[in-house]
Amino acid sequence: MSDGVRTLRACKEGHVLSYPEALDNRANVEEVDLAFCSYCPCRTVYLVVISPGEGARVAAVGGPQLFEWLEEQDWPRSTYVGHDGSMFLYRMVPSPLDLILAFQ
C-alpha cells in the first residue's frame, strides 16, 4: 500500500512541493490549519499552510530562517509516518489569526 501525495506549485521555475495527502484529510476532518516548511529545488524555502476546505497555499517565501521561525512557534507539533516509514513533520496552527499576525 502506498501513501497518497499532493503537490503544490512553488516557484516561477515550475518546481513543485510534495506532501502527504493525509495532511489535507486531517485539516478537513479536524477543521484546523496545518503548516510546514519545504525546500524548493531552486533553494528557496516555502512556508505552506493547508486550510480546511481550501487546500494548500504558500504563506511565506524565504530562506532557512523560515524553518527557524516555524520551530520557534509554540504550535502543536505532529509527525505523519508513511507506510514506508518516511516521516513528515508539520504544525497545527491554533488560529488563522496567528498566521496573519506573524507576517505583519
N, C-alpha and C. Protein backbone atom coordinates (compact mmCIF):
# COMPACT_ATOMS: atom_id res chain seq x y z
N MET A 1 0.84 -1.18 0.00
CA MET A 1 0.00 0.00 0.00
C MET A 1 0.89 1.24 0.00
N SER A 2 0.56 2.23 -0.80
CA SER A 2 1.36 3.44 -0.84
C SER A 2 0.54 4.61 -0.31
N ASP A 3 1.23 5.63 0.13
CA ASP A 3 0.59 6.83 0.64
C ASP A 3 0.30 7.77 -0.52
N GLY A 4 -0.85 8.43 -0.46
CA GLY A 4 -1.17 9.43 -1.47
C GLY A 4 -0.31 10.68 -1.26
N VAL A 5 0.04 11.32 -2.36
CA VAL A 5 0.89 12.50 -2.30
C VAL A 5 0.17 13.65 -3.01
N ARG A 6 0.23 14.82 -2.41
CA ARG A 6 -0.29 16.04 -3.02
C ARG A 6 0.88 16.90 -3.44
N THR A 7 0.66 17.73 -4.43
CA THR A 7 1.71 18.64 -4.87
C THR A 7 1.16 20.06 -4.94
N LEU A 8 2.08 21.00 -4.86
CA LEU A 8 1.75 22.42 -4.90
C LEU A 8 2.84 23.11 -5.70
N ARG A 9 2.47 23.88 -6.70
CA ARG A 9 3.47 24.61 -7.48
C ARG A 9 4.09 25.66 -6.58
N ALA A 10 5.42 25.70 -6.57
CA ALA A 10 6.12 26.55 -5.63
C ALA A 10 6.69 27.82 -6.25
N CYS A 11 7.28 27.72 -7.41
CA CYS A 11 8.05 28.86 -7.90
C CYS A 11 7.79 29.10 -9.39
N LYS A 12 8.38 30.18 -9.87
CA LYS A 12 8.23 30.55 -11.28
C LYS A 12 8.87 29.54 -12.22
N GLU A 13 9.83 28.78 -11.68
CA GLU A 13 10.50 27.75 -12.48
C GLU A 13 9.60 26.55 -12.73
N GLY A 14 8.49 26.48 -11.99
CA GLY A 14 7.57 25.37 -12.14
C GLY A 14 7.83 24.21 -11.20
N HIS A 15 8.76 24.37 -10.26
CA HIS A 15 9.01 23.31 -9.29
C HIS A 15 7.78 23.09 -8.41
N VAL A 16 7.65 21.88 -7.93
CA VAL A 16 6.52 21.56 -7.06
C VAL A 16 7.01 21.04 -5.72
N LEU A 17 6.21 21.29 -4.70
CA LEU A 17 6.46 20.75 -3.36
C LEU A 17 5.49 19.61 -3.16
N SER A 18 5.94 18.56 -2.52
CA SER A 18 5.09 17.40 -2.26
C SER A 18 4.87 17.24 -0.77
N TYR A 19 3.69 16.76 -0.43
CA TYR A 19 3.37 16.49 0.97
C TYR A 19 2.33 15.37 1.02
N PRO A 20 2.21 14.68 2.15
CA PRO A 20 1.26 13.57 2.24
C PRO A 20 -0.19 14.04 2.12
N GLU A 21 -0.96 13.34 1.33
CA GLU A 21 -2.38 13.63 1.17
C GLU A 21 -3.12 13.56 2.51
N ALA A 22 -2.60 12.77 3.42
CA ALA A 22 -3.22 12.62 4.74
C ALA A 22 -3.31 13.96 5.48
N LEU A 23 -2.42 14.90 5.17
CA LEU A 23 -2.48 16.21 5.82
C LEU A 23 -3.71 16.99 5.37
N ASP A 24 -4.06 16.91 4.09
CA ASP A 24 -5.31 17.53 3.62
C ASP A 24 -6.49 16.93 4.37
N ASN A 25 -6.48 15.61 4.49
CA ASN A 25 -7.58 14.92 5.18
C ASN A 25 -7.68 15.36 6.63
N ARG A 26 -6.53 15.45 7.31
CA ARG A 26 -6.54 15.85 8.72
C ARG A 26 -7.05 17.28 8.87
N ALA A 27 -6.59 18.18 8.02
CA ALA A 27 -7.05 19.58 8.09
C ALA A 27 -8.57 19.65 7.94
N ASN A 28 -9.11 18.88 7.01
CA ASN A 28 -10.55 18.90 6.77
C ASN A 28 -11.34 18.27 7.91
N VAL A 29 -10.91 17.12 8.39
CA VAL A 29 -11.63 16.41 9.45
C VAL A 29 -11.59 17.18 10.76
N GLU A 30 -10.41 17.69 11.11
CA GLU A 30 -10.26 18.38 12.39
C GLU A 30 -10.52 19.88 12.30
N GLU A 31 -10.78 20.36 11.08
CA GLU A 31 -11.04 21.78 10.84
C GLU A 31 -9.96 22.66 11.47
N VAL A 32 -8.72 22.36 11.12
CA VAL A 32 -7.57 23.10 11.64
C VAL A 32 -6.59 23.35 10.51
N ASP A 33 -5.92 24.51 10.55
CA ASP A 33 -4.85 24.79 9.59
C ASP A 33 -3.61 24.03 10.01
N LEU A 34 -2.89 23.50 9.03
CA LEU A 34 -1.63 22.82 9.26
C LEU A 34 -0.54 23.58 8.51
N ALA A 35 0.67 23.61 9.07
CA ALA A 35 1.76 24.35 8.44
C ALA A 35 3.03 23.51 8.41
N PHE A 36 3.79 23.68 7.34
CA PHE A 36 5.10 23.04 7.25
C PHE A 36 5.99 23.87 6.33
N CYS A 37 7.28 23.68 6.46
CA CYS A 37 8.25 24.33 5.57
C CYS A 37 8.84 23.28 4.64
N SER A 38 9.19 23.73 3.45
CA SER A 38 9.77 22.82 2.47
C SER A 38 10.75 23.59 1.58
N TYR A 39 11.85 22.92 1.24
CA TYR A 39 12.80 23.48 0.28
C TYR A 39 12.31 23.21 -1.13
N CYS A 40 12.46 24.20 -1.97
CA CYS A 40 12.22 24.06 -3.40
C CYS A 40 13.56 23.66 -4.03
N PRO A 41 13.56 22.95 -5.15
CA PRO A 41 14.82 22.63 -5.81
C PRO A 41 15.68 23.85 -6.15
N CYS A 42 15.07 25.04 -6.24
CA CYS A 42 15.85 26.25 -6.53
C CYS A 42 16.38 26.90 -5.24
N ARG A 43 16.37 26.15 -4.15
CA ARG A 43 16.95 26.54 -2.86
C ARG A 43 16.19 27.63 -2.12
N THR A 44 14.94 27.80 -2.44
CA THR A 44 14.08 28.71 -1.72
C THR A 44 13.28 27.89 -0.71
N VAL A 45 12.98 28.48 0.44
CA VAL A 45 12.16 27.80 1.44
C VAL A 45 10.75 28.38 1.39
N TYR A 46 9.78 27.49 1.43
CA TYR A 46 8.38 27.90 1.40
C TYR A 46 7.70 27.45 2.68
N LEU A 47 6.93 28.36 3.28
CA LEU A 47 6.04 28.01 4.39
C LEU A 47 4.69 27.74 3.75
N VAL A 48 4.22 26.52 3.89
CA VAL A 48 2.97 26.10 3.28
C VAL A 48 1.93 25.92 4.38
N VAL A 49 0.73 26.39 4.12
CA VAL A 49 -0.39 26.22 5.05
C VAL A 49 -1.49 25.46 4.32
N ILE A 50 -2.01 24.44 4.99
CA ILE A 50 -3.14 23.67 4.46
C ILE A 50 -4.35 24.05 5.30
N SER A 51 -5.35 24.63 4.64
CA SER A 51 -6.56 25.07 5.34
C SER A 51 -7.72 24.14 5.01
N PRO A 52 -8.59 23.90 5.99
CA PRO A 52 -9.74 23.03 5.75
C PRO A 52 -10.62 23.57 4.62
N GLY A 53 -10.94 22.71 3.69
CA GLY A 53 -11.81 23.08 2.59
C GLY A 53 -11.15 23.91 1.50
N GLU A 54 -9.94 24.40 1.74
CA GLU A 54 -9.26 25.24 0.76
C GLU A 54 -8.02 24.58 0.19
N GLY A 55 -7.42 23.68 0.93
CA GLY A 55 -6.20 23.03 0.48
C GLY A 55 -4.95 23.82 0.82
N ALA A 56 -3.87 23.52 0.12
CA ALA A 56 -2.56 24.09 0.43
C ALA A 56 -2.31 25.38 -0.33
N ARG A 57 -1.58 26.28 0.33
CA ARG A 57 -1.15 27.53 -0.30
C ARG A 57 0.19 27.93 0.29
N VAL A 58 0.95 28.68 -0.47
CA VAL A 58 2.21 29.22 0.04
C VAL A 58 1.87 30.46 0.87
N ALA A 59 2.30 30.45 2.14
CA ALA A 59 2.03 31.57 3.04
C ALA A 59 3.22 32.52 3.15
N ALA A 60 4.43 32.00 2.94
CA ALA A 60 5.62 32.84 3.03
C ALA A 60 6.74 32.21 2.22
N VAL A 61 7.64 33.05 1.75
CA VAL A 61 8.79 32.62 0.95
C VAL A 61 10.03 33.24 1.56
N GLY A 62 11.10 32.45 1.66
CA GLY A 62 12.33 33.00 2.21
C GLY A 62 13.46 31.99 2.17
N GLY A 63 14.28 32.06 3.19
CA GLY A 63 15.41 31.17 3.32
C GLY A 63 15.26 30.29 4.55
N PRO A 64 16.38 29.74 5.02
CA PRO A 64 16.34 28.83 6.17
C PRO A 64 15.70 29.44 7.42
N GLN A 65 15.64 30.78 7.49
CA GLN A 65 15.03 31.42 8.66
C GLN A 65 13.55 31.04 8.80
N LEU A 66 12.89 30.63 7.71
CA LEU A 66 11.50 30.19 7.84
C LEU A 66 11.41 28.90 8.64
N PHE A 67 12.36 27.99 8.44
CA PHE A 67 12.40 26.77 9.27
C PHE A 67 12.57 27.16 10.73
N GLU A 68 13.49 28.08 10.99
CA GLU A 68 13.75 28.53 12.36
C GLU A 68 12.51 29.19 12.95
N TRP A 69 11.86 30.03 12.17
CA TRP A 69 10.66 30.71 12.64
C TRP A 69 9.59 29.70 13.04
N LEU A 70 9.37 28.70 12.19
CA LEU A 70 8.35 27.70 12.49
C LEU A 70 8.70 26.91 13.75
N GLU A 71 9.98 26.60 13.92
CA GLU A 71 10.42 25.88 15.12
C GLU A 71 10.19 26.70 16.39
N GLU A 72 10.27 28.01 16.29
CA GLU A 72 10.09 28.88 17.45
C GLU A 72 8.64 29.00 17.90
N GLN A 73 7.71 28.65 17.02
CA GLN A 73 6.30 28.77 17.37
C GLN A 73 5.94 27.69 18.39
N ASP A 74 5.03 28.02 19.29
CA ASP A 74 4.61 27.03 20.28
C ASP A 74 3.38 26.25 19.83
N TRP A 75 3.19 26.20 18.53
CA TRP A 75 2.08 25.46 17.96
C TRP A 75 2.32 23.96 18.12
N PRO A 76 1.25 23.19 18.32
CA PRO A 76 1.42 21.74 18.49
C PRO A 76 2.13 21.11 17.28
N ARG A 77 3.12 20.28 17.59
CA ARG A 77 3.86 19.56 16.55
C ARG A 77 3.20 18.22 16.29
N SER A 78 3.38 17.75 15.08
CA SER A 78 2.90 16.42 14.74
C SER A 78 3.80 15.84 13.65
N THR A 79 3.78 14.54 13.57
CA THR A 79 4.56 13.84 12.56
C THR A 79 3.67 12.84 11.85
N TYR A 80 3.66 12.89 10.54
CA TYR A 80 2.97 11.88 9.75
C TYR A 80 4.00 10.82 9.39
N VAL A 81 3.69 9.57 9.67
CA VAL A 81 4.58 8.47 9.33
C VAL A 81 3.93 7.67 8.21
N GLY A 82 4.60 7.61 7.07
CA GLY A 82 4.08 6.89 5.92
C GLY A 82 4.20 5.39 6.08
N HIS A 83 3.54 4.67 5.21
CA HIS A 83 3.59 3.20 5.24
C HIS A 83 5.01 2.67 5.05
N ASP A 84 5.84 3.46 4.38
CA ASP A 84 7.22 3.04 4.15
C ASP A 84 8.16 3.49 5.27
N GLY A 85 7.59 4.12 6.32
CA GLY A 85 8.40 4.58 7.45
C GLY A 85 8.91 6.00 7.31
N SER A 86 8.65 6.62 6.16
CA SER A 86 9.09 8.01 5.98
C SER A 86 8.31 8.92 6.93
N MET A 87 8.97 9.99 7.38
CA MET A 87 8.33 10.90 8.32
C MET A 87 8.20 12.29 7.71
N PHE A 88 7.11 12.96 8.04
CA PHE A 88 6.84 14.30 7.55
C PHE A 88 6.39 15.14 8.74
N LEU A 89 7.17 16.17 9.08
CA LEU A 89 6.90 17.00 10.25
C LEU A 89 6.05 18.21 9.87
N TYR A 90 5.10 18.53 10.73
CA TYR A 90 4.26 19.70 10.49
C TYR A 90 3.72 20.22 11.81
N ARG A 91 3.08 21.38 11.77
CA ARG A 91 2.50 22.01 12.95
C ARG A 91 1.02 22.27 12.73
N MET A 92 0.27 22.23 13.83
CA MET A 92 -1.14 22.62 13.80
C MET A 92 -1.21 24.08 14.21
N VAL A 93 -1.83 24.90 13.38
CA VAL A 93 -1.93 26.34 13.64
C VAL A 93 -3.16 26.56 14.52
N PRO A 94 -2.97 27.08 15.74
CA PRO A 94 -4.10 27.23 16.66
C PRO A 94 -5.24 28.10 16.11
N SER A 95 -4.88 29.15 15.37
CA SER A 95 -5.89 30.06 14.84
C SER A 95 -5.33 30.71 13.57
N PRO A 96 -6.18 30.90 12.55
CA PRO A 96 -5.71 31.61 11.35
C PRO A 96 -5.14 32.99 11.68
N LEU A 97 -5.62 33.59 12.75
CA LEU A 97 -5.13 34.89 13.18
C LEU A 97 -3.64 34.83 13.53
N ASP A 98 -3.18 33.69 14.04
CA ASP A 98 -1.76 33.53 14.35
C ASP A 98 -0.89 33.74 13.12
N LEU A 99 -1.32 33.25 11.98
CA LEU A 99 -0.56 33.44 10.74
C LEU A 99 -0.61 34.88 10.27
N ILE A 100 -1.76 35.50 10.38
CA ILE A 100 -1.89 36.89 9.95
C ILE A 100 -0.98 37.78 10.78
N LEU A 101 -1.01 37.60 12.09
CA LEU A 101 -0.19 38.43 12.97
C LEU A 101 1.30 38.16 12.79
N ALA A 102 1.65 36.95 12.46
CA ALA A 102 3.06 36.58 12.32
C ALA A 102 3.74 37.30 11.16
N PHE A 103 2.99 37.63 10.13
CA PHE A 103 3.60 38.19 8.93
C PHE A 103 3.21 39.64 8.67
N GLN A 104 2.82 40.35 9.72
CA GLN A 104 2.52 41.79 9.57
C GLN A 104 3.77 42.59 9.76
